Amino acid sequence: MDSDDKTDKVSDKAEELKGKAKTAAGKVTDDKGLEVEGRTDAAKGKIKQVGDDTKDSLKGVKDSLKDSPED
């Protein structure tokens, strides 16, 4: 994993956490718009993390196939 991948993962997790904070703030202030915006941001961050994990898994499979002995 290169530093760009790590940066993306940190950024995606930060987006999820920011969304959760917005959701909480929306609940406390009874601001439904902020609450929905927070849930959307949190979901986007989580989806990006799943995409990153999938990409990492596929890279691992590709690397293991490349390294496997041929018949």
PDB file of N, CA and C in Angstrom:
ATOM      1  N   MET A   1       0.848  -1.170   0.000  1.00  0.00           N
ATOM      2  CA  MET A   1       0.000   0.000   0.000  1.00  0.00           C
ATOM      3  C   MET A   1       0.897   1.237   0.000  1.00  0.00           C
ATOM      4  N   ASP A   2       0.645   2.127  -0.956  1.00  0.00           N
ATOM      5  CA  ASP A   2       1.471   3.330  -1.015  1.00  0.00           C
ATOM      6  C   ASP A   2       0.851   4.441  -0.162  1.00  0.00           C
ATOM      7  N   SER A   3       1.561   5.558  -0.073  1.00  0.00           N
ATOM      8  CA  SER A   3       1.102   6.638   0.811  1.00  0.00           C
ATOM      9  C   SER A   3      -0.193   7.270   0.318  1.00  0.00           C
ATOM     10  N   ASP A   4      -0.446   7.255  -1.003  1.00  0.00           N
ATOM     11  CA  ASP A   4      -1.712   7.788  -1.511  1.00  0.00           C
ATOM     12  C   ASP A   4      -2.886   6.957  -1.015  1.00  0.00           C
ATOM     13  N   ASP A   5      -2.712   5.633  -0.981  1.00  0.00           N
ATOM     14  CA  ASP A   5      -3.770   4.756  -0.481  1.00  0.00           C
ATOM     15  C   ASP A   5      -4.041   5.032   0.995  1.00  0.00           C
ATOM     16  N   LYS A   6      -2.983   5.214   1.763  1.00  0.00           N
ATOM     17  CA  LYS A   6      -3.138   5.504   3.189  1.00  0.00           C
ATOM     18  C   LYS A   6      -3.839   6.843   3.394  1.00  0.00           C
ATOM     19  N   THR A   7      -3.463   7.822   2.595  1.00  0.00           N
ATOM     20  CA  THR A   7      -4.086   9.142   2.681  1.00  0.00           C
ATOM     21  C   THR A   7      -5.569   9.049   2.355  1.00  0.00           C
ATOM     22  N   ASP A   8      -5.908   8.278   1.321  1.00  0.00           N
ATOM     23  CA  ASP A   8      -7.313   8.095   0.949  1.00  0.00           C
ATOM     24  C   ASP A   8      -8.092   7.440   2.088  1.00  0.00           C
ATOM     25  N   LYS A   9      -7.509   6.424   2.704  1.00  0.00           N
ATOM     26  CA  LYS A   9      -8.193   5.722   3.786  1.00  0.00           C
ATOM     27  C   LYS A   9      -8.442   6.649   4.977  1.00  0.00           C
ATOM     28  N   VAL A  10      -7.446   7.452   5.309  1.00  0.00           N
ATOM     29  CA  VAL A  10      -7.599   8.397   6.419  1.00  0.00           C
ATOM     30  C   VAL A  10      -8.666   9.436   6.076  1.00  0.00           C
ATOM     31  N   SER A  11      -8.627   9.928   4.857  1.00  0.00           N
ATOM     32  CA  SER A  11      -9.605  10.917   4.410  1.00  0.00           C
ATOM     33  C   SER A  11     -11.024  10.349   4.427  1.00  0.00           C
ATOM     34  N   ASP A  12     -11.166   9.108   3.980  1.00  0.00           N
ATOM     35  CA  ASP A  12     -12.482   8.472   3.951  1.00  0.00           C
ATOM     36  C   ASP A  12     -13.021   8.242   5.362  1.00  0.00           C
ATOM     37  N   LYS A  13     -12.150   7.832   6.279  1.00  0.00           N
ATOM     38  CA  LYS A  13     -12.570   7.637   7.672  1.00  0.00           C
ATOM     39  C   LYS A  13     -12.940   8.981   8.294  1.00  0.00           C
ATOM     40  N   ALA A  14     -12.181  10.024   7.972  1.00  0.00           N
ATOM     41  CA  ALA A  14     -12.480  11.359   8.490  1.00  0.00           C
ATOM     42  C   ALA A  14     -13.840  11.837   7.988  1.00  0.00           C
ATOM     43  N   GLU A  15     -14.144  11.546   6.723  1.00  0.00           N
ATOM     44  CA  GLU A  15     -15.444  11.932   6.163  1.00  0.00           C
ATOM     45  C   GLU A  15     -16.580  11.223   6.907  1.00  0.00           C
ATOM     46  N   GLU A  16     -16.374   9.941   7.207  1.00  0.00           N
ATOM     47  CA  GLU A  16     -17.385   9.187   7.953  1.00  0.00           C
ATOM     48  C   GLU A  16     -17.588   9.796   9.350  1.00  0.00           C
ATOM     49  N   LEU A  17     -16.492  10.076  10.031  1.00  0.00           N
ATOM     50  CA  LEU A  17     -16.587  10.632  11.386  1.00  0.00           C
ATOM     51  C   LEU A  17     -17.197  12.031  11.387  1.00  0.00           C
ATOM     52  N   LYS A  18     -16.854  12.830  10.387  1.00  0.00           N
ATOM     53  CA  LYS A  18     -17.439  14.173  10.255  1.00  0.00           C
ATOM     54  C   LYS A  18     -18.952  14.053  10.072  1.00  0.00           C
ATOM     55  N   GLY A  19     -19.355  13.081   9.260  1.00  0.00           N
ATOM     56  CA  GLY A  19     -20.785  12.859   9.048  1.00  0.00           C
ATOM     57  C   GLY A  19     -21.493  12.452  10.326  1.00  0.00           C
ATOM     58  N   LYS A  20     -20.854  11.594  11.100  1.00  0.00           N
ATOM     59  CA  LYS A  20     -21.452  11.177  12.370  1.00  0.00           C
ATOM     60  C   LYS A  20     -21.590  12.363  13.326  1.00  0.00           C
ATOM     61  N   ALA A  21     -20.599  13.238  13.315  1.00  0.00           N
ATOM     62  CA  ALA A  21     -20.661  14.429  14.168  1.00  0.00           C
ATOM     63  C   ALA A  21     -21.802  15.352  13.729  1.00  0.00           C
ATOM     64  N   LYS A  22     -21.962  15.513  12.415  1.00  0.00           N
ATOM     65  CA  LYS A  22     -23.068  16.333  11.905  1.00  0.00           C
ATOM     66  C   LYS A  22     -24.413  15.726  12.293  1.00  0.00           C
ATOM     67  N   THR A  23     -24.502  14.411  12.196  1.00  0.00           N
ATOM     68  CA  THR A  23     -25.742  13.731  12.568  1.00  0.00           C
ATOM     69  C   THR A  23     -26.078  13.992  14.031  1.00  0.00           C
ATOM     70  N   ALA A  24     -25.081  13.860  14.891  1.00  0.00           N
ATOM     71  CA  ALA A  24     -25.291  14.105  16.317  1.00  0.00           C
ATOM     72  C   ALA A  24     -25.683  15.556  16.573  1.00  0.00           C
ATOM     73  N   ALA A  25     -25.005  16.481  15.895  1.00  0.00           N
ATOM     74  CA  ALA A  25     -25.324  17.906  16.068  1.00  0.00           C
ATOM     75  C   ALA A  25     -26.749  18.188  15.600  1.00  0.00           C
ATOM     76  N   GLY A  26     -27.139  17.545  14.502  1.00  0.00           N
ATOM     77  CA  GLY A  26     -28.499  17.726  14.010  1.00  0.00           C
ATOM     78  C   GLY A  26     -29.539  17.219  14.985  1.00  0.00           C
ATOM     79  N   LYS A  27     -29.240  16.087  15.623  1.00  0.00           N
ATOM     80  CA  LYS A  27     -30.174  15.544  16.620  1.00  0.00           C
ATOM     81  C   LYS A  27     -30.295  16.465  17.826  1.00  0.00           C
ATOM     82  N   VAL A  28     -29.154  16.957  18.300  1.00  0.00           N
ATOM     83  CA  VAL A  28     -29.138  17.812  19.498  1.00  0.00           C
ATOM     84  C   VAL A  28     -29.883  19.123  19.237  1.00  0.00           C
ATOM     85  N   THR A  29     -29.688  19.693  18.049  1.00  0.00           N
ATOM     86  CA  THR A  29     -30.298  20.986  17.734  1.00  0.00           C
ATOM     87  C   THR A  29     -31.660  20.841  17.054  1.00  0.00           C
ATOM     88  N   ASP A  30     -32.095  19.609  16.871  1.00  0.00           N
ATOM     89  CA  ASP A  30     -33.360  19.311  16.189  1.00  0.00           C
ATOM     90  C   ASP A  30     -33.377  19.891  14.772  1.00  0.00           C
ATOM     91  N   ASP A  31     -32.208  19.813  14.116  1.00  0.00           N
ATOM     92  CA  ASP A  31     -32.053  20.282  12.728  1.00  0.00           C
ATOM     93  C   ASP A  31     -32.051  19.053  11.820  1.00  0.00           C
ATOM     94  N   LYS A  32     -33.218  18.732  11.264  1.00  0.00           N
ATOM     95  CA  LYS A  32     -33.355  17.527  10.449  1.00  0.00           C
ATOM     96  C   LYS A  32     -32.474  17.589   9.201  1.00  0.00           C
ATOM     97  N   GLY A  33     -32.303  18.767   8.630  1.00  0.00           N
ATOM     98  CA  GLY A  33     -31.452  18.922   7.447  1.00  0.00           C
ATOM     99  C   GLY A  33     -30.009  18.566   7.735  1.00  0.00           C
ATOM    100  N   LEU A  34     -29.502  19.044   8.848  1.00  0.00           N
ATOM    101  CA  LEU A  34     -28.123  18.742   9.247  1.00  0.00           C
ATOM    102  C   LEU A  34     -27.966  17.261   9.574  1.00  0.00           C
ATOM    103  N   GLU A  35     -28.993  16.704  10.199  1.00  0.00           N
ATOM    104  CA  GLU A  35     -28.958  15.284  10.536  1.00  0.00           C
ATOM    105  C   GLU A  35     -28.888  14.416   9.268  1.00  0.00           C
ATOM    106  N   VAL A  36     -29.695  14.744   8.290  1.00  0.00           N
ATOM    107  CA  VAL A  36     -29.693  13.995   7.022  1.00  0.00           C
ATOM    108  C   VAL A  36     -28.365  14.190   6.287  1.00  0.00           C
ATOM    109  N   GLU A  37     -27.875  15.418   6.277  1.00  0.00           N
ATOM    110  CA  GLU A  37     -26.581  15.697   5.638  1.00  0.00           C
ATOM    111  C   GLU A  37     -25.472  14.881   6.303  1.00  0.00           C
ATOM    112  N   GLY A  38     -25.519  14.790   7.613  1.00  0.00           N
ATOM    113  CA  GLY A  38     -24.532  14.010   8.345  1.00  0.00           C
ATOM    114  C   GLY A  38     -24.605  12.538   8.004  1.00  0.00           C
ATOM    115  N   ARG A  39     -25.804  12.010   7.932  1.00  0.00           N
ATOM    116  CA  ARG A  39     -25.954  10.594   7.574  1.00  0.00           C
ATOM    117  C   ARG A  39     -25.435  10.330   6.163  1.00  0.00           C
ATOM    118  N   THR A  40     -25.689  11.264   5.261  1.00  0.00           N
ATOM    119  CA  THR A  40     -25.212  11.129   3.885  1.00  0.00           C
ATOM    120  C   THR A  40     -23.687  11.140   3.850  1.00  0.00           C
ATOM    121  N   ASP A  41     -23.075  12.090   4.542  1.00  0.00           N
ATOM    122  CA  ASP A  41     -21.608  12.173   4.592  1.00  0.00           C
ATOM    123  C   ASP A  41     -20.999  10.910   5.196  1.00  0.00           C
ATOM    124  N   ALA A  42     -21.603  10.423   6.277  1.00  0.00           N
ATOM    125  CA  ALA A  42     -21.094   9.215   6.933  1.00  0.00           C
ATOM    126  C   ALA A  42     -21.188   8.019   5.989  1.00  0.00           C
ATOM    127  N   ALA A  43     -22.293   7.914   5.272  1.00  0.00           N
ATOM    128  CA  ALA A  43     -22.467   6.805   4.328  1.00  0.00           C
ATOM    129  C   ALA A  43     -21.459   6.884   3.193  1.00  0.00           C
ATOM    130  N   LYS A  44     -21.231   8.079   2.679  1.00  0.00           N
ATOM    131  CA  LYS A  44     -20.239   8.251   1.604  1.00  0.00           C
ATOM    132  C   LYS A  44     -18.857   7.805   2.072  1.00  0.00           C
ATOM    133  N   GLY A  45     -18.481   8.217   3.257  1.00  0.00           N
ATOM    134  CA  GLY A  45     -17.180   7.829   3.801  1.00  0.00           C
ATOM    135  C   GLY A  45     -17.070   6.328   3.971  1.00  0.00           C
ATOM    136  N   LYS A  46     -18.130   5.701   4.465  1.00  0.00           N
ATOM    137  CA  LYS A  46     -18.123   4.257   4.678  1.00  0.00           C
ATOM    138  C   LYS A  46     -18.051   3.515   3.337  1.00  0.00           C
ATOM    139  N   ILE A  47     -18.799   3.979   2.349  1.00  0.00           N
ATOM    140  CA  ILE A  47     -18.778   3.354   1.023  1.00  0.00           C
ATOM    141  C   ILE A  47     -17.385   3.449   0.406  1.00  0.00           C
ATOM    142  N   LYS A  48     -16.757   4.590   0.547  1.00  0.00           N
ATOM    143  CA  LYS A  48     -15.396   4.749   0.018  1.00  0.00           C
ATOM    144  C   LYS A  48     -14.426   3.790   0.710  1.00  0.00           C
ATOM    145  N   GLN A  49     -14.610   3.587   2.008  1.00  0.00           N
ATOM    146  CA  GLN A  49     -13.749   2.659   2.742  1.00  0.00           C
ATOM    147  C   GLN A  49     -13.938   1.230   2.240  1.00  0.00           C
ATOM    148  N   VAL A  50     -15.170   0.849   1.973  1.00  0.00           N
ATOM    149  CA  VAL A  50     -15.444  -0.486   1.439  1.00  0.00           C
ATOM    150  C   VAL A  50     -14.786  -0.633   0.070  1.00  0.00           C
ATOM    151  N   GLY A  51     -14.867   0.408  -0.740  1.00  0.00           N
ATOM    152  CA  GLY A  51     -14.207   0.390  -2.054  1.00  0.00           C
ATOM    153  C   GLY A  51     -12.704   0.234  -1.927  1.00  0.00           C
ATOM    154  N   ASP A  52     -12.110   0.951  -0.983  1.00  0.00           N
ATOM    155  CA  ASP A  52     -10.659   0.837  -0.755  1.00  0.00           C
ATOM    156  C   ASP A  52     -10.286  -0.575  -0.314  1.00  0.00           C
ATOM    157  N   ASP A  53     -11.089  -1.140   0.592  1.00  0.00           N
ATOM    158  CA  ASP A  53     -10.818  -2.496   1.076  1.00  0.00           C
ATOM    159  C   ASP A  53     -10.942  -3.520  -0.056  1.00  0.00           C
ATOM    160  N   THR A  54     -11.932  -3.343  -0.906  1.00  0.00           N
ATOM    161  CA  THR A  54     -12.120  -4.236  -2.048  1.00  0.00           C
ATOM    162  C   THR A  54     -10.939  -4.143  -2.998  1.00  0.00           C
ATOM    163  N   LYS A  55     -10.505  -2.920  -3.260  1.00  0.00           N
ATOM    164  CA  LYS A  55      -9.359  -2.714  -4.142  1.00  0.00           C
ATOM    165  C   LYS A  55      -8.113  -3.387  -3.568  1.00  0.00           C
ATOM    166  N   ASP A  56      -7.909  -3.246  -2.268  1.00  0.00           N
ATOM    167  CA  ASP A  56      -6.761  -3.890  -1.616  1.00  0.00           C
ATOM    168  C   ASP A  56      -6.849  -5.412  -1.714  1.00  0.00           C
ATOM    169  N   SER A  57      -8.042  -5.952  -1.523  1.00  0.00           N
ATOM    170  CA  SER A  57      -8.230  -7.407  -1.608  1.00  0.00           C
ATOM    171  C   SER A  57      -7.942  -7.916  -3.010  1.00  0.00           C
ATOM    172  N   LEU A  58      -8.446  -7.203  -4.005  1.00  0.00           N
ATOM    173  CA  LEU A  58      -8.216  -7.615  -5.391  1.00  0.00           C
ATOM    174  C   LEU A  58      -6.739  -7.528  -5.751  1.00  0.00           C
ATOM    175  N   LYS A  59      -6.063  -6.521  -5.229  1.00  0.00           N
ATOM    176  CA  LYS A  59      -4.629  -6.406  -5.478  1.00  0.00           C
ATOM    177  C   LYS A  59      -3.892  -7.593  -4.855  1.00  0.00           C
ATOM    178  N   GLY A  60      -4.328  -8.003  -3.667  1.00  0.00           N
ATOM    179  CA  GLY A  60      -3.723  -9.155  -3.007  1.00  0.00           C
ATOM    180  C   GLY A  60      -3.935 -10.436  -3.794  1.00  0.00           C
ATOM    181  N   VAL A  61      -5.124 -10.600  -4.342  1.00  0.00           N
ATOM    182  CA  VAL A  61      -5.404 -11.784  -5.161  1.00  0.00           C
ATOM    183  C   VAL A  61      -4.540 -11.760  -6.415  1.00  0.00           C
ATOM    184  N   LYS A  62      -4.462 -10.611  -7.048  1.00  0.00           N
ATOM    185  CA  LYS A  62      -3.653 -10.467  -8.262  1.00  0.00           C
ATOM    186  C   LYS A  62      -2.189 -10.806  -7.963  1.00  0.00           C
ATOM    187  N   ASP A  63      -1.682 -10.270  -6.854  1.00  0.00           N
ATOM    188  CA  ASP A  63      -0.285 -10.531  -6.479  1.00  0.00           C
ATOM    189  C   ASP A  63      -0.042 -12.009  -6.171  1.00  0.00           C
ATOM    190  N   SER A  64      -1.016 -12.658  -5.505  1.00  0.00           N
ATOM    191  CA  SER A  64      -0.828 -14.068  -5.177  1.00  0.00           C
ATOM    192  C   SER A  64      -0.891 -14.929  -6.421  1.00  0.00           C
ATOM    193  N   LEU A  65      -1.698 -14.556  -7.383  1.00  0.00           N
ATOM    194  CA  LEU A  65      -1.750 -15.307  -8.635  1.00  0.00           C
ATOM    195  C   LEU A  65      -0.466 -15.133  -9.429  1.00  0.00           C
ATOM    196  N   LYS A  66       0.077 -13.935  -9.361  1.00  0.00           N
ATOM    197  CA  LYS A  66       1.322 -13.641 -10.075  1.00  0.00           C
ATOM    198  C   LYS A  66       2.475 -14.447  -9.482  1.00  0.00           C
ATOM    199  N   ASP A  67       2.441 -14.657  -8.170  1.00  0.00           N
ATOM    200  CA  ASP A  67       3.510 -15.344  -7.466  1.00  0.00           C
ATOM    201  C   ASP A  67       3.340 -16.867  -7.429  1.00  0.00           C
ATOM    202  N   SER A  68       2.172 -17.380  -7.839  1.00  0.00           N
ATOM    203  CA  SER A  68       1.935 -18.824  -7.751  1.00  0.00           C
ATOM    204  C   SER A  68       2.687 -19.560  -8.858  1.00  0.00           C
ATOM    205  N   PRO A  69       3.123 -20.776  -8.549  1.00  0.00           N
ATOM    206  CA  PRO A  69       3.866 -21.548  -9.570  1.00  0.00           C
ATOM    207  C   PRO A  69       2.926 -21.961 -10.692  1.00  0.00           C
ATOM    208  N   GLU A  70       3.453 -21.953 -11.890  1.00  0.00           N
ATOM    209  CA  GLU A  70       2.656 -22.345 -13.053  1.00  0.00           C
ATOM    210  C   GLU A  70       2.704 -23.847 -13.209  1.00  0.00           C
ATOM    211  N   ASP A  71       1.636 -24.414 -13.769  1.00  0.00           N
ATOM    212  CA  ASP A  71       1.566 -25.861 -14.002  1.00  0.00           C
ATOM    213  C   ASP A  71       2.307 -26.244 -15.251  1.00  0.00           C
TER     214      ASP A  71
END
